[in-house]
């Protein structure tokens, strides 16, 4: 097995519609309206419709699982992929169900939804009336109106429909930077005023996660496919060129690139958790946190405390776990969540 993310993404190609039916709703035992909290997206198993959301309050170290179904009386769907906090709502992308839910973060009840997708992956907001949505094995970037929950158009790319996929997005200086996954090797630069691709840059194979540092550099983590070794690269956005390349060990599986709130420290998973100063000229010689017996799957860094949250997917069938380390790498807490915890979203009110 190369990695479970590839399996889930390939599975989404079948993109079946989720049948939403009523189930019994419940009350919560903790205050899910806490203004500073963490949402864990549990992917679930493909075609089982068992994706879920978990809520964690770091102040009191309490967790509530299955918050979506308990609040709404119906299940979230098939393969919870990503989420964004915008306009006072939690926009949750459910890949194989082809839907983006907008949720009230104080109750987790559905406010509205966007449909018309086959396999949405990520959503990124430009304004209250415009957002982009990427899809698996669809070379287009969807343009949606979050206010009316409608698809308004598409940004065409030069990828073909058999293998082309757009994936993560980073907004900086009026441009959206989009990595092309699924056997691709390109990062796109999109002018958000005109919805046109103005440049594209060749990077390592299958760029699968990105992070923006405090100096305006865009870091890209690339896979071990297409006959190339995995690598970590830094893109200079002023010149839109690759200015640093750090080769990673051939055959290694790196994922979940993240940056701390200050933007001066990178984190990623490759067996253990690796940490590197954005100004470093060489890779660290050893992981910052060893995996022990855990199977690290996704990570996030607390934007206030720099605590590190990493999920353990276990065997990809039973409920997973999230481990919380402080900035020094010392374990502080661990809590059970849903199946295949693959994403995090911080809700921090300023």
C-alpha atoms as a PDB file:
ATOM      1  CA  UNK A   1       0.000   0.000   0.000  1.00  0.00           C
ATOM      2  CA  UNK A   2       1.615   3.248  -1.127  1.00  0.00           C
ATOM      3  CA  UNK A   3      -0.487   5.377   1.183  1.00  0.00           C
ATOM      4  CA  UNK A   4      -4.079   5.590   2.280  1.00  0.00           C
ATOM      5  CA  UNK A   5      -4.598   9.083   0.828  1.00  0.00           C
ATOM      6  CA  UNK A   6      -4.009   7.771  -2.668  1.00  0.00           C
ATOM      7  CA  UNK A   7      -6.524   5.014  -2.075  1.00  0.00           C
ATOM      8  CA  UNK A   8      -9.185   7.413  -0.901  1.00  0.00           C
ATOM      9  CA  UNK A   9      -8.596   9.800  -3.783  1.00  0.00           C
ATOM     10  CA  UNK A  10      -8.687   7.042  -6.364  1.00  0.00           C
ATOM     11  CA  UNK A  11     -11.847   5.740  -4.794  1.00  0.00           C
ATOM     12  CA  UNK A  12     -13.504   9.117  -5.158  1.00  0.00           C
ATOM     13  CA  UNK A  13     -13.331   8.696  -8.939  1.00  0.00           C
ATOM     14  CA  UNK A  14     -16.454   6.561  -8.666  1.00  0.00           C
ATOM     15  CA  UNK A  15     -18.099   9.549  -6.924  1.00  0.00           C
ATOM     16  CA  UNK A  16     -21.372   8.082  -5.787  1.00  0.00           C
ATOM     17  CA  UNK A  17     -24.102  10.312  -4.389  1.00  0.00           C
ATOM     18  CA  UNK A  18     -24.780  10.035  -0.692  1.00  0.00           C
ATOM     19  CA  UNK A  19     -28.366   9.330   0.262  1.00  0.00           C
ATOM     20  CA  UNK A  20     -29.134  11.624   3.166  1.00  0.00           C
ATOM     21  CA  UNK A  21     -31.697  10.200   5.515  1.00  0.00           C
ATOM     22  CA  UNK A  22     -32.832  11.103   9.029  1.00  0.00           C
ATOM     23  CA  UNK A  23     -31.282   9.650  12.154  1.00  0.00           C
ATOM     24  CA  UNK A  24     -31.932  10.470  15.762  1.00  0.00           C
ATOM     25  CA  UNK A  25     -30.201  13.682  16.907  1.00  0.00           C
ATOM     26  CA  UNK A  26     -28.673  14.197  20.356  1.00  0.00           C
ATOM     27  CA  UNK A  27     -27.563  16.908  22.731  1.00  0.00           C
ATOM     28  CA  UNK A  28     -23.931  17.760  23.472  1.00  0.00           C
ATOM     29  CA  UNK A  29     -22.206  17.368  26.817  1.00  0.00           C
ATOM     30  CA  UNK A  30     -19.796  20.306  26.354  1.00  0.00           C
ATOM     31  CA  UNK A  31     -20.050  23.848  25.060  1.00  0.00           C
ATOM     32  CA  UNK A  32     -19.469  23.537  21.291  1.00  0.00           C
ATOM     33  CA  UNK A  33     -19.966  27.301  20.971  1.00  0.00           C
ATOM     34  CA  UNK A  34     -16.484  27.892  22.428  1.00  0.00           C
ATOM     35  CA  UNK A  35     -14.935  30.653  20.314  1.00  0.00           C
ATOM     36  CA  UNK A  36     -11.527  28.979  20.210  1.00  0.00           C
ATOM     37  CA  UNK A  37     -11.775  25.368  19.166  1.00  0.00           C
ATOM     38  CA  UNK A  38     -10.546  22.669  16.833  1.00  0.00           C
ATOM     39  CA  UNK A  39     -12.644  20.704  14.358  1.00  0.00           C
ATOM     40  CA  UNK A  40     -11.324  17.314  13.260  1.00  0.00           C
ATOM     41  CA  UNK A  41     -12.484  15.990   9.895  1.00  0.00           C
ATOM     42  CA  UNK A  42     -12.767  12.217   9.951  1.00  0.00           C
ATOM     43  CA  UNK A  43     -12.735  10.918   6.384  1.00  0.00           C
ATOM     44  CA  UNK A  44     -14.418   7.619   7.195  1.00  0.00           C
ATOM     45  CA  UNK A  45     -14.250   4.696   4.768  1.00  0.00           C
ATOM     46  CA  UNK A  46     -14.980   5.064   1.077  1.00  0.00           C
ATOM     47  CA  UNK A  47     -18.573   4.124   0.143  1.00  0.00           C
ATOM     48  CA  UNK A  48     -19.573   3.550   3.788  1.00  0.00           C
ATOM     49  CA  UNK A  49     -20.977   7.031   4.302  1.00  0.00           C
ATOM     50  CA  UNK A  50     -19.375   7.171   7.749  1.00  0.00           C
ATOM     51  CA  UNK A  51     -17.461  10.455   7.555  1.00  0.00           C
ATOM     52  CA  UNK A  52     -17.853  12.568  10.686  1.00  0.00           C
ATOM     53  CA  UNK A  53     -16.764  15.706  12.512  1.00  0.00           C
ATOM     54  CA  UNK A  54     -15.239  15.893  15.987  1.00  0.00           C
ATOM     55  CA  UNK A  55     -15.038  18.975  18.196  1.00  0.00           C
ATOM     56  CA  UNK A  56     -12.187  19.639  20.627  1.00  0.00           C
ATOM     57  CA  UNK A  57     -11.947  22.453  23.163  1.00  0.00           C
ATOM     58  CA  UNK A  58      -8.224  22.844  23.972  1.00  0.00           C
ATOM     59  CA  UNK A  59      -8.906  25.004  27.026  1.00  0.00           C
ATOM     60  CA  UNK A  60     -10.720  22.243  28.923  1.00  0.00           C
ATOM     61  CA  UNK A  61      -9.408  19.289  26.884  1.00  0.00           C
ATOM     62  CA  UNK A  62     -12.851  17.976  26.039  1.00  0.00           C
ATOM     63  CA  UNK A  63     -13.941  16.251  22.846  1.00  0.00           C
ATOM     64  CA  UNK A  64     -17.331  15.640  21.261  1.00  0.00           C
ATOM     65  CA  UNK A  65     -17.586  13.159  18.388  1.00  0.00           C
ATOM     66  CA  UNK A  66     -20.182  12.819  15.618  1.00  0.00           C
ATOM     67  CA  UNK A  67     -21.212  16.448  16.115  1.00  0.00           C
ATOM     68  CA  UNK A  68     -22.675  16.820  12.611  1.00  0.00           C
ATOM     69  CA  UNK A  69     -25.090  13.911  12.762  1.00  0.00           C
ATOM     70  CA  UNK A  70     -26.038  14.727  16.351  1.00  0.00           C
ATOM     71  CA  UNK A  71     -26.847  18.311  15.399  1.00  0.00           C
ATOM     72  CA  UNK A  72     -28.607  17.696  12.096  1.00  0.00           C
ATOM     73  CA  UNK A  73     -30.206  14.275  12.403  1.00  0.00           C
ATOM     74  CA  UNK A  74     -28.541  12.982   9.216  1.00  0.00           C
ATOM     75  CA  UNK A  75     -25.055  11.749   8.400  1.00  0.00           C
ATOM     76  CA  UNK A  76     -22.291  13.943   6.985  1.00  0.00           C
ATOM     77  CA  UNK A  77     -21.674  11.667   4.008  1.00  0.00           C
ATOM     78  CA  UNK A  78     -18.828   9.895   2.240  1.00  0.00           C
ATOM     79  CA  UNK A  79     -15.179  11.028   2.686  1.00  0.00           C
ATOM     80  CA  UNK A  80     -14.879  14.302   4.619  1.00  0.00           C
ATOM     81  CA  UNK A  81     -12.038  16.039   2.822  1.00  0.00           C
ATOM     82  CA  UNK A  82     -11.464  19.600   4.057  1.00  0.00           C
ATOM     83  CA  UNK A  83     -13.049  22.659   5.676  1.00  0.00           C
ATOM     84  CA  UNK A  84     -12.670  26.445   5.721  1.00  0.00           C
ATOM     85  CA  UNK A  85     -13.910  28.990   8.243  1.00  0.00           C
ATOM     86  CA  UNK A  86     -15.341  32.018   6.404  1.00  0.00           C
ATOM     87  CA  UNK A  87     -18.122  34.515   6.947  1.00  0.00           C
ATOM     88  CA  UNK A  88     -18.968  33.077  10.343  1.00  0.00           C
ATOM     89  CA  UNK A  89     -19.620  29.617   8.886  1.00  0.00           C
ATOM     90  CA  UNK A  90     -17.724  26.339   8.670  1.00  0.00           C
ATOM     91  CA  UNK A  91     -17.667  25.255   5.024  1.00  0.00           C
ATOM     92  CA  UNK A  92     -17.158  21.482   4.968  1.00  0.00           C
ATOM     93  CA  UNK A  93     -16.229  19.656   1.762  1.00  0.00           C
ATOM     94  CA  UNK A  94     -17.423  16.036   1.457  1.00  0.00           C
ATOM     95  CA  UNK A  95     -15.659  14.540  -1.541  1.00  0.00           C
ATOM     96  CA  UNK A  96     -17.511  11.418  -2.615  1.00  0.00           C
ATOM     97  CA  UNK A  97     -20.890  12.889  -1.701  1.00  0.00           C
ATOM     98  CA  UNK A  98     -20.255  15.841  -4.026  1.00  0.00           C
ATOM     99  CA  UNK A  99     -21.383  18.464  -1.537  1.00  0.00           C
ATOM    100  CA  UNK A 100     -20.090  21.452   0.441  1.00  0.00           C
ATOM    101  CA  UNK A 101     -22.002  22.127   3.676  1.00  0.00           C
ATOM    102  CA  UNK A 102     -22.060  25.521   5.391  1.00  0.00           C
ATOM    103  CA  UNK A 103     -22.445  24.962   9.137  1.00  0.00           C
ATOM    104  CA  UNK A 104     -23.168  27.193  12.099  1.00  0.00           C
ATOM    105  CA  UNK A 105     -19.993  26.785  14.208  1.00  0.00           C
ATOM    106  CA  UNK A 106     -21.926  27.278  17.450  1.00  0.00           C
ATOM    107  CA  UNK A 107     -24.336  24.411  16.817  1.00  0.00           C
ATOM    108  CA  UNK A 108     -22.957  22.462  13.810  1.00  0.00           C
ATOM    109  CA  UNK A 109     -26.387  22.680  12.196  1.00  0.00           C
ATOM    110  CA  UNK A 110     -26.573  23.059   8.430  1.00  0.00           C
ATOM    111  CA  UNK A 111     -27.216  26.595   7.204  1.00  0.00           C
ATOM    112  CA  UNK A 112     -26.926  25.869   3.472  1.00  0.00           C
ATOM    113  CA  UNK A 113     -25.133  23.640   0.992  1.00  0.00           C
ATOM    114  CA  UNK A 114     -23.547  23.785  -2.451  1.00  0.00           C
ATOM    115  CA  UNK A 115     -24.136  20.839  -4.798  1.00  0.00           C
ATOM    116  CA  UNK A 116     -23.431  20.055  -8.443  1.00  0.00           C
ATOM    117  CA  UNK A 117     -19.955  18.596  -7.910  1.00  0.00           C
ATOM    118  CA  UNK A 118     -18.682  15.069  -8.549  1.00  0.00           C
ATOM    119  CA  UNK A 119     -15.689  14.931  -6.181  1.00  0.00           C
ATOM    120  CA  UNK A 120     -14.887  18.300  -4.532  1.00  0.00           C
ATOM    121  CA  UNK A 121     -11.638  18.530  -2.587  1.00  0.00           C
ATOM    122  CA  UNK A 122     -10.984  22.059  -1.294  1.00  0.00           C
ATOM    123  CA  UNK A 123     -12.764  25.409  -1.134  1.00  0.00           C
ATOM    124  CA  UNK A 124     -11.035  28.784  -0.852  1.00  0.00           C
ATOM    125  CA  UNK A 125     -12.829  32.120  -0.494  1.00  0.00           C
ATOM    126  CA  UNK A 126     -12.005  35.287  -2.396  1.00  0.00           C
ATOM    127  CA  UNK A 127     -14.978  37.432  -1.341  1.00  0.00           C
ATOM    128  CA  UNK A 128     -18.478  36.948   0.095  1.00  0.00           C
ATOM    129  CA  UNK A 129     -19.688  36.349  -3.459  1.00  0.00           C
ATOM    130  CA  UNK A 130     -16.849  34.280  -4.897  1.00  0.00           C
ATOM    131  CA  UNK A 131     -14.936  31.163  -3.967  1.00  0.00           C
ATOM    132  CA  UNK A 132     -12.983  28.506  -5.849  1.00  0.00           C
ATOM    133  CA  UNK A 133     -13.542  24.757  -5.483  1.00  0.00           C
ATOM    134  CA  UNK A 134     -11.108  22.110  -6.720  1.00  0.00           C
ATOM    135  CA  UNK A 135     -12.059  18.592  -7.733  1.00  0.00           C
ATOM    136  CA  UNK A 136     -10.502  15.180  -8.040  1.00  0.00           C
ATOM    137  CA  UNK A 137      -9.859  14.145 -11.634  1.00  0.00           C
ATOM    138  CA  UNK A 138     -11.416  17.278 -13.008  1.00  0.00           C
ATOM    139  CA  UNK A 139      -8.936  19.735 -14.565  1.00  0.00           C
ATOM    140  CA  UNK A 140     -11.224  22.718 -13.993  1.00  0.00           C
ATOM    141  CA  UNK A 141     -11.381  25.026 -11.003  1.00  0.00           C
ATOM    142  CA  UNK A 142     -15.004  25.705 -10.111  1.00  0.00           C
ATOM    143  CA  UNK A 143     -16.157  29.274  -9.450  1.00  0.00           C
ATOM    144  CA  UNK A 144     -18.990  29.382  -6.918  1.00  0.00           C
ATOM    145  CA  UNK A 145     -21.100  32.065  -5.275  1.00  0.00           C
ATOM    146  CA  UNK A 146     -21.250  31.245  -1.540  1.00  0.00           C
ATOM    147  CA  UNK A 147     -24.150  33.633  -1.065  1.00  0.00           C
ATOM    148  CA  UNK A 148     -26.469  31.877  -3.495  1.00  0.00           C
ATOM    149  CA  UNK A 149     -24.721  28.469  -3.267  1.00  0.00           C
ATOM    150  CA  UNK A 150     -24.484  28.195  -7.039  1.00  0.00           C
ATOM    151  CA  UNK A 151     -21.746  27.253  -9.484  1.00  0.00           C
ATOM    152  CA  UNK A 152     -21.124  30.331 -11.646  1.00  0.00           C
ATOM    153  CA  UNK A 153     -18.454  29.033 -14.001  1.00  0.00           C
ATOM    154  CA  UNK A 154     -15.110  27.315 -14.416  1.00  0.00           C
ATOM    155  CA  UNK A 155     -11.441  28.094 -14.896  1.00  0.00           C
ATOM    156  CA  UNK A 156     -10.105  25.796 -17.591  1.00  0.00           C
ATOM    157  CA  UNK A 157      -6.615  24.301 -17.389  1.00  0.00           C
ATOM    158  CA  UNK A 158      -4.563  22.437 -19.995  1.00  0.00           C
ATOM    159  CA  UNK A 159      -4.799  19.112 -18.157  1.00  0.00           C
ATOM    160  CA  UNK A 160      -6.885  16.295 -19.588  1.00  0.00           C
ATOM    161  CA  UNK A 161      -9.966  14.824 -17.959  1.00  0.00           C
ATOM    162  CA  UNK A 162      -8.450  11.365 -17.467  1.00  0.00           C
ATOM    163  CA  UNK A 163      -5.714  12.382 -15.035  1.00  0.00           C
ATOM    164  CA  UNK A 164      -6.013  16.119 -14.379  1.00  0.00           C
ATOM    165  CA  UNK A 165      -6.834  17.228 -10.838  1.00  0.00           C
ATOM    166  CA  UNK A 166      -6.598  20.492  -8.978  1.00  0.00           C
ATOM    167  CA  UNK A 167      -6.016  20.249  -5.249  1.00  0.00           C
ATOM    168  CA  UNK A 168      -4.998  22.686  -2.516  1.00  0.00           C
ATOM    169  CA  UNK A 169      -5.140  26.464  -2.873  1.00  0.00           C
ATOM    170  CA  UNK A 170      -3.241  29.354  -1.279  1.00  0.00           C
ATOM    171  CA  UNK A 171      -4.401  32.966  -1.682  1.00  0.00           C
ATOM    172  CA  UNK A 172      -1.705  35.663  -1.698  1.00  0.00           C
ATOM    173  CA  UNK A 173      -1.657  39.186  -3.160  1.00  0.00           C
ATOM    174  CA  UNK A 174      -4.708  38.852  -5.370  1.00  0.00           C
ATOM    175  CA  UNK A 175      -3.558  35.552  -6.852  1.00  0.00           C
ATOM    176  CA  UNK A 176      -4.666  32.015  -6.075  1.00  0.00           C
ATOM    177  CA  UNK A 177      -1.923  29.407  -6.227  1.00  0.00           C
ATOM    178  CA  UNK A 178      -3.243  25.930  -7.024  1.00  0.00           C
ATOM    179  CA  UNK A 179      -1.287  22.694  -7.015  1.00  0.00           C
ATOM    180  CA  UNK A 180      -2.168  20.050  -9.609  1.00  0.00           C
ATOM    181  CA  UNK A 181      -2.291  16.556  -8.146  1.00  0.00           C
ATOM    182  CA  UNK A 182      -2.865  13.099  -9.685  1.00  0.00           C
ATOM    183  CA  UNK A 183       0.241  12.463 -11.808  1.00  0.00           C
ATOM    184  CA  UNK A 184       0.854  16.167 -12.465  1.00  0.00           C
ATOM    185  CA  UNK A 185       3.831  18.423 -11.679  1.00  0.00           C
ATOM    186  CA  UNK A 186       2.464  21.964 -11.860  1.00  0.00           C
ATOM    187  CA  UNK A 187       1.461  24.878  -9.645  1.00  0.00           C
ATOM    188  CA  UNK A 188      -0.965  27.344 -11.255  1.00  0.00           C
ATOM    189  CA  UNK A 189      -1.134  31.093 -10.663  1.00  0.00           C
ATOM    190  CA  UNK A 190      -4.678  32.396 -11.048  1.00  0.00           C
ATOM    191  CA  UNK A 191      -5.658  36.082 -11.173  1.00  0.00           C
ATOM    192  CA  UNK A 192      -8.706  36.202  -8.899  1.00  0.00           C
ATOM    193  CA  UNK A 193      -9.939  39.455 -10.493  1.00  0.00           C
ATOM    194  CA  UNK A 194     -10.223  37.911 -13.966  1.00  0.00           C
ATOM    195  CA  UNK A 195     -10.460  34.196 -13.060  1.00  0.00           C
ATOM    196  CA  UNK A 196      -7.691  33.424 -15.528  1.00  0.00           C
ATOM    197  CA  UNK A 197      -4.496  31.406 -15.222  1.00  0.00           C
ATOM    198  CA  UNK A 198      -1.677  33.882 -15.775  1.00  0.00           C
ATOM    199  CA  UNK A 199       1.286  31.532 -15.200  1.00  0.00           C
ATOM    200  CA  UNK A 200       2.147  27.960 -14.364  1.00  0.00           C
ATOM    201  CA  UNK A 201       5.288  26.540 -12.808  1.00  0.00           C
ATOM    202  CA  UNK A 202       6.791  23.075 -13.072  1.00  0.00           C
ATOM    203  CA  UNK A 203       7.663  21.609  -9.683  1.00  0.00           C
ATOM    204  CA  UNK A 204       8.311  18.103  -8.391  1.00  0.00           C
ATOM    205  CA  UNK A 205       5.983  15.224  -9.117  1.00  0.00           C
ATOM    206  CA  UNK A 206       2.427  15.296  -7.846  1.00  0.00           C
ATOM    207  CA  UNK A 207       2.545  18.318  -5.479  1.00  0.00           C
ATOM    208  CA  UNK A 208       0.164  17.377  -2.689  1.00  0.00           C
ATOM    209  CA  UNK A 209       0.321  20.044   0.023  1.00  0.00           C
ATOM    210  CA  UNK A 210       1.415  23.681   0.303  1.00  0.00           C
ATOM    211  CA  UNK A 211       2.138  26.285   2.986  1.00  0.00           C
ATOM    212  CA  UNK A 212       2.950  30.013   2.898  1.00  0.00           C
ATOM    213  CA  UNK A 213       5.805  31.266   5.108  1.00  0.00           C
ATOM    214  CA  UNK A 214       6.357  34.640   6.796  1.00  0.00           C
ATOM    215  CA  UNK A 215       8.583  35.881   3.961  1.00  0.00           C
ATOM    216  CA  UNK A 216       5.972  35.242   1.284  1.00  0.00           C
ATOM    217  CA  UNK A 217       7.555  32.006   0.092  1.00  0.00           C
ATOM    218  CA  UNK A 218       5.273  29.183  -0.982  1.00  0.00           C
ATOM    219  CA  UNK A 219       6.437  25.741   0.111  1.00  0.00           C
ATOM    220  CA  UNK A 220       5.336  22.644  -1.807  1.00  0.00           C
ATOM    221  CA  UNK A 221       5.639  19.005  -0.751  1.00  0.00           C
ATOM    222  CA  UNK A 222       5.922  16.637  -3.726  1.00  0.00           C
ATOM    223  CA  UNK A 223       5.397  12.879  -3.952  1.00  0.00           C
ATOM    224  CA  UNK A 224       7.589   9.930  -4.907  1.00  0.00           C
ATOM    225  CA  UNK A 225       5.955   9.183  -8.294  1.00  0.00           C
ATOM    226  CA  UNK A 226       6.578   9.619 -12.022  1.00  0.00           C
ATOM    227  CA  UNK A 227      10.112   8.293 -11.627  1.00  0.00           C
ATOM    228  CA  UNK A 228      11.242  11.089  -9.324  1.00  0.00           C
ATOM    229  CA  UNK A 229      12.092  11.173  -5.634  1.00  0.00           C
ATOM    230  CA  UNK A 230       9.940  13.134  -3.187  1.00  0.00           C
ATOM    231  CA  UNK A 231      11.028  16.679  -2.462  1.00  0.00           C
ATOM    232  CA  UNK A 232      10.264  19.843  -0.537  1.00  0.00           C
ATOM    233  CA  UNK A 233      10.464  23.031  -2.601  1.00  0.00           C
ATOM    234  CA  UNK A 234      10.173  26.761  -1.958  1.00  0.00           C
ATOM    235  CA  UNK A 235       8.649  29.002  -4.629  1.00  0.00           C
ATOM    236  CA  UNK A 236       9.525  32.689  -4.821  1.00  0.00           C
ATOM    237  CA  UNK A 237       6.164  34.280  -5.573  1.00  0.00           C
ATOM    238  CA  UNK A 238       7.719  37.541  -6.792  1.00  0.00           C
ATOM    239  CA  UNK A 239       9.486  35.742  -9.644  1.00  0.00           C
ATOM    240  CA  UNK A 240       7.222  32.677  -9.590  1.00  0.00           C
ATOM    241  CA  UNK A 241      10.194  30.363  -9.729  1.00  0.00           C
ATOM    242  CA  UNK A 242      11.554  27.521  -7.620  1.00  0.00           C
ATOM    243  CA  UNK A 243      14.378  28.913  -5.469  1.00  0.00           C
ATOM    244  CA  UNK A 244      15.044  26.005  -3.116  1.00  0.00           C
ATOM    245  CA  UNK A 245      14.753  22.239  -3.487  1.00  0.00           C
ATOM    246  CA  UNK A 246      15.296  19.760  -0.660  1.00  0.00           C
ATOM    247  CA  UNK A 247      15.345  16.126  -1.914  1.00  0.00           C
ATOM    248  CA  UNK A 248      13.721  13.678   0.494  1.00  0.00           C
ATOM    249  CA  UNK A 249      14.583  10.008   0.859  1.00  0.00           C
ATOM    250  CA  UNK A 250      13.523   7.940  -2.143  1.00  0.00           C
ATOM    251  CA  UNK A 251      10.560   5.743  -1.319  1.00  0.00           C
ATOM    252  CA  UNK A 252       9.567   7.802   1.698  1.00  0.00           C
ATOM    253  CA  UNK A 253       6.014   9.043   2.093  1.00  0.00           C
ATOM    254  CA  UNK A 254       5.706  12.677   3.183  1.00  0.00           C
ATOM    255  CA  UNK A 255       2.405  14.464   3.719  1.00  0.00           C
ATOM    256  CA  UNK A 256       0.465  17.182   5.512  1.00  0.00           C
ATOM    257  CA  UNK A 257       2.788  20.189   5.162  1.00  0.00           C
ATOM    258  CA  UNK A 258       1.941  22.920   7.680  1.00  0.00           C
ATOM    259  CA  UNK A 259       3.379  26.154   9.069  1.00  0.00           C
ATOM    260  CA  UNK A 260       3.163  27.739  12.492  1.00  0.00           C
ATOM    261  CA  UNK A 261       1.301  31.016  13.101  1.00  0.00           C
ATOM    262  CA  UNK A 262       4.490  33.075  12.859  1.00  0.00           C
ATOM    263  CA  UNK A 263       5.197  31.479   9.500  1.00  0.00           C
ATOM    264  CA  UNK A 264       8.827  30.786  10.344  1.00  0.00           C
ATOM    265  CA  UNK A 265       8.671  27.037  10.985  1.00  0.00           C
ATOM    266  CA  UNK A 266       7.570  24.192   8.718  1.00  0.00           C
ATOM    267  CA  UNK A 267       6.121  20.877   9.851  1.00  0.00           C
ATOM    268  CA  UNK A 268       5.323  17.726   7.900  1.00  0.00           C
ATOM    269  CA  UNK A 269       4.803  14.010   8.383  1.00  0.00           C
ATOM    270  CA  UNK A 270       7.260  11.413   7.108  1.00  0.00           C
ATOM    271  CA  UNK A 271       6.893   8.535   9.516  1.00  0.00           C
ATOM    272  CA  UNK A 272       7.459  10.939  12.403  1.00  0.00           C
ATOM    273  CA  UNK A 273       6.886  14.679  12.539  1.00  0.00           C
ATOM    274  CA  UNK A 274       9.609  16.799  10.982  1.00  0.00           C
ATOM    275  CA  UNK A 275      10.255  20.463  11.792  1.00  0.00           C
ATOM    276  CA  UNK A 276      12.426  22.936   9.873  1.00  0.00           C
ATOM    277  CA  UNK A 277      13.123  26.662  10.055  1.00  0.00           C
ATOM    278  CA  UNK A 278      12.061  28.314   6.789  1.00  0.00           C
ATOM    279  CA  UNK A 279      15.511  29.885   6.528  1.00  0.00           C
ATOM    280  CA  UNK A 280      17.361  26.579   6.818  1.00  0.00           C
ATOM    281  CA  UNK A 281      19.706  25.499   4.050  1.00  0.00           C
ATOM    282  CA  UNK A 282      19.624  21.795   4.893  1.00  0.00           C
ATOM    283  CA  UNK A 283      16.982  19.357   6.029  1.00  0.00           C
ATOM    284  CA  UNK A 284      16.932  18.238   9.673  1.00  0.00           C
ATOM    285  CA  UNK A 285      18.778  15.000  10.304  1.00  0.00           C
ATOM    286  CA  UNK A 286      16.038  13.361  12.375  1.00  0.00           C
ATOM    287  CA  UNK A 287      12.310  13.755  13.111  1.00  0.00           C
ATOM    288  CA  UNK A 288      11.274  16.300  15.722  1.00  0.00           C
ATOM    289  CA  UNK A 289       8.756  13.773  17.084  1.00  0.00           C
ATOM    290  CA  UNK A 290       9.130  10.037  16.570  1.00  0.00           C
ATOM    291  CA  UNK A 291       5.969   8.103  15.671  1.00  0.00           C
ATOM    292  CA  UNK A 292       6.487   5.372  18.281  1.00  0.00           C
ATOM    293  CA  UNK A 293       3.638   2.942  17.534  1.00  0.00           C
ATOM    294  CA  UNK A 294       1.365   5.570  15.988  1.00  0.00           C
ATOM    295  CA  UNK A 295       0.531   5.836  12.292  1.00  0.00           C
ATOM    296  CA  UNK A 296       0.643   9.607  11.789  1.00  0.00           C
ATOM    297  CA  UNK A 297      -1.821  10.730   9.132  1.00  0.00           C
ATOM    298  CA  UNK A 298      -2.484  14.501   9.317  1.00  0.00           C
ATOM    299  CA  UNK A 299      -1.225  17.406  11.403  1.00  0.00           C
ATOM    300  CA  UNK A 300      -2.019  20.976  12.362  1.00  0.00           C
ATOM    301  CA  UNK A 301      -0.319  23.648  14.482  1.00  0.00           C
ATOM    302  CA  UNK A 302      -2.299  25.677  17.015  1.00  0.00           C
ATOM    303  CA  UNK A 303      -2.238  29.297  15.740  1.00  0.00           C
ATOM    304  CA  UNK A 304      -1.959  30.640  19.297  1.00  0.00           C
ATOM    305  CA  UNK A 305       0.142  28.216  21.313  1.00  0.00           C
ATOM    306  CA  UNK A 306       2.100  26.384  18.573  1.00  0.00           C
ATOM    307  CA  UNK A 307       0.946  23.090  20.052  1.00  0.00           C
ATOM    308  CA  UNK A 308       1.133  20.345  17.439  1.00  0.00           C
ATOM    309  CA  UNK A 309      -1.885  18.160  16.743  1.00  0.00           C
ATOM    310  CA  UNK A 310      -1.336  14.968  14.775  1.00  0.00           C
ATOM    311  CA  UNK A 311      -3.800  12.212  13.977  1.00  0.00           C
ATOM    312  CA  UNK A 312      -3.171   8.488  14.294  1.00  0.00           C
ATOM    313  CA  UNK A 313      -5.251   6.611  11.731  1.00  0.00           C
ATOM    314  CA  UNK A 314      -4.694   3.267  13.491  1.00  0.00           C
ATOM    315  CA  UNK A 315      -5.698   0.568  10.975  1.00  0.00           C
ATOM    316  CA  UNK A 316      -7.939   2.856   8.877  1.00  0.00           C
ATOM    317  CA  UNK A 317     -10.989   0.908  10.071  1.00  0.00           C
ATOM    318  CA  UNK A 318     -11.379   1.593  13.778  1.00  0.00           C
ATOM    319  CA  UNK A 319     -11.755   5.042  15.292  1.00  0.00           C
ATOM    320  CA  UNK A 320      -8.587   7.118  15.112  1.00  0.00           C
ATOM    321  CA  UNK A 321      -6.887   9.251  17.713  1.00  0.00           C
ATOM    322  CA  UNK A 322      -5.431  12.761  17.903  1.00  0.00           C
ATOM    323  CA  UNK A 323      -2.226  13.417  19.848  1.00  0.00           C
ATOM    324  CA  UNK A 324      -1.452  16.897  21.148  1.00  0.00           C
ATOM    325  CA  UNK A 325       2.181  17.917  21.687  1.00  0.00           C
ATOM    326  CA  UNK A 326       3.436  21.238  23.008  1.00  0.00           C
ATOM    327  CA  UNK A 327       5.891  23.383  21.040  1.00  0.00           C
ATOM    328  CA  UNK A 328       8.767  21.454  22.598  1.00  0.00           C
ATOM    329  CA  UNK A 329       7.423  18.128  21.350  1.00  0.00           C
ATOM    330  CA  UNK A 330       6.154  16.829  24.715  1.00  0.00           C
ATOM    331  CA  UNK A 331       2.878  14.911  24.663  1.00  0.00           C
ATOM    332  CA  UNK A 332       0.120  16.853  26.438  1.00  0.00           C
ATOM    333  CA  UNK A 333      -3.110  15.079  25.569  1.00  0.00           C
ATOM    334  CA  UNK A 334      -4.655  12.409  23.362  1.00  0.00           C
ATOM    335  CA  UNK A 335      -8.271  11.801  22.479  1.00  0.00           C
ATOM    336  CA  UNK A 336     -10.337   9.429  20.343  1.00  0.00           C
ATOM    337  CA  UNK A 337     -12.093  10.769  17.240  1.00  0.00           C
ATOM    338  CA  UNK A 338     -13.686   9.140  14.179  1.00  0.00           C
ATOM    339  CA  UNK A 339     -12.386   6.876  11.427  1.00  0.00           C
ATOM    340  CA  UNK A 340      -9.390   8.156   9.421  1.00  0.00           C
ATOM    341  CA  UNK A 341      -8.947  11.632  10.925  1.00  0.00           C
ATOM    342  CA  UNK A 342      -7.493  13.405   7.911  1.00  0.00           C
ATOM    343  CA  UNK A 343      -7.971  17.134   8.440  1.00  0.00           C
ATOM    344  CA  UNK A 344      -8.149  19.936  10.991  1.00  0.00           C
ATOM    345  CA  UNK A 345      -9.783  23.341  11.119  1.00  0.00           C
ATOM    346  CA  UNK A 346      -9.122  25.960  13.786  1.00  0.00           C
ATOM    347  CA  UNK A 347     -11.861  28.321  14.829  1.00  0.00           C
ATOM    348  CA  UNK A 348     -10.191  31.302  16.476  1.00  0.00           C
ATOM    349  CA  UNK A 349     -12.177  34.499  17.068  1.00  0.00           C
ATOM    350  CA  UNK A 350     -10.031  37.642  17.007  1.00  0.00           C
END
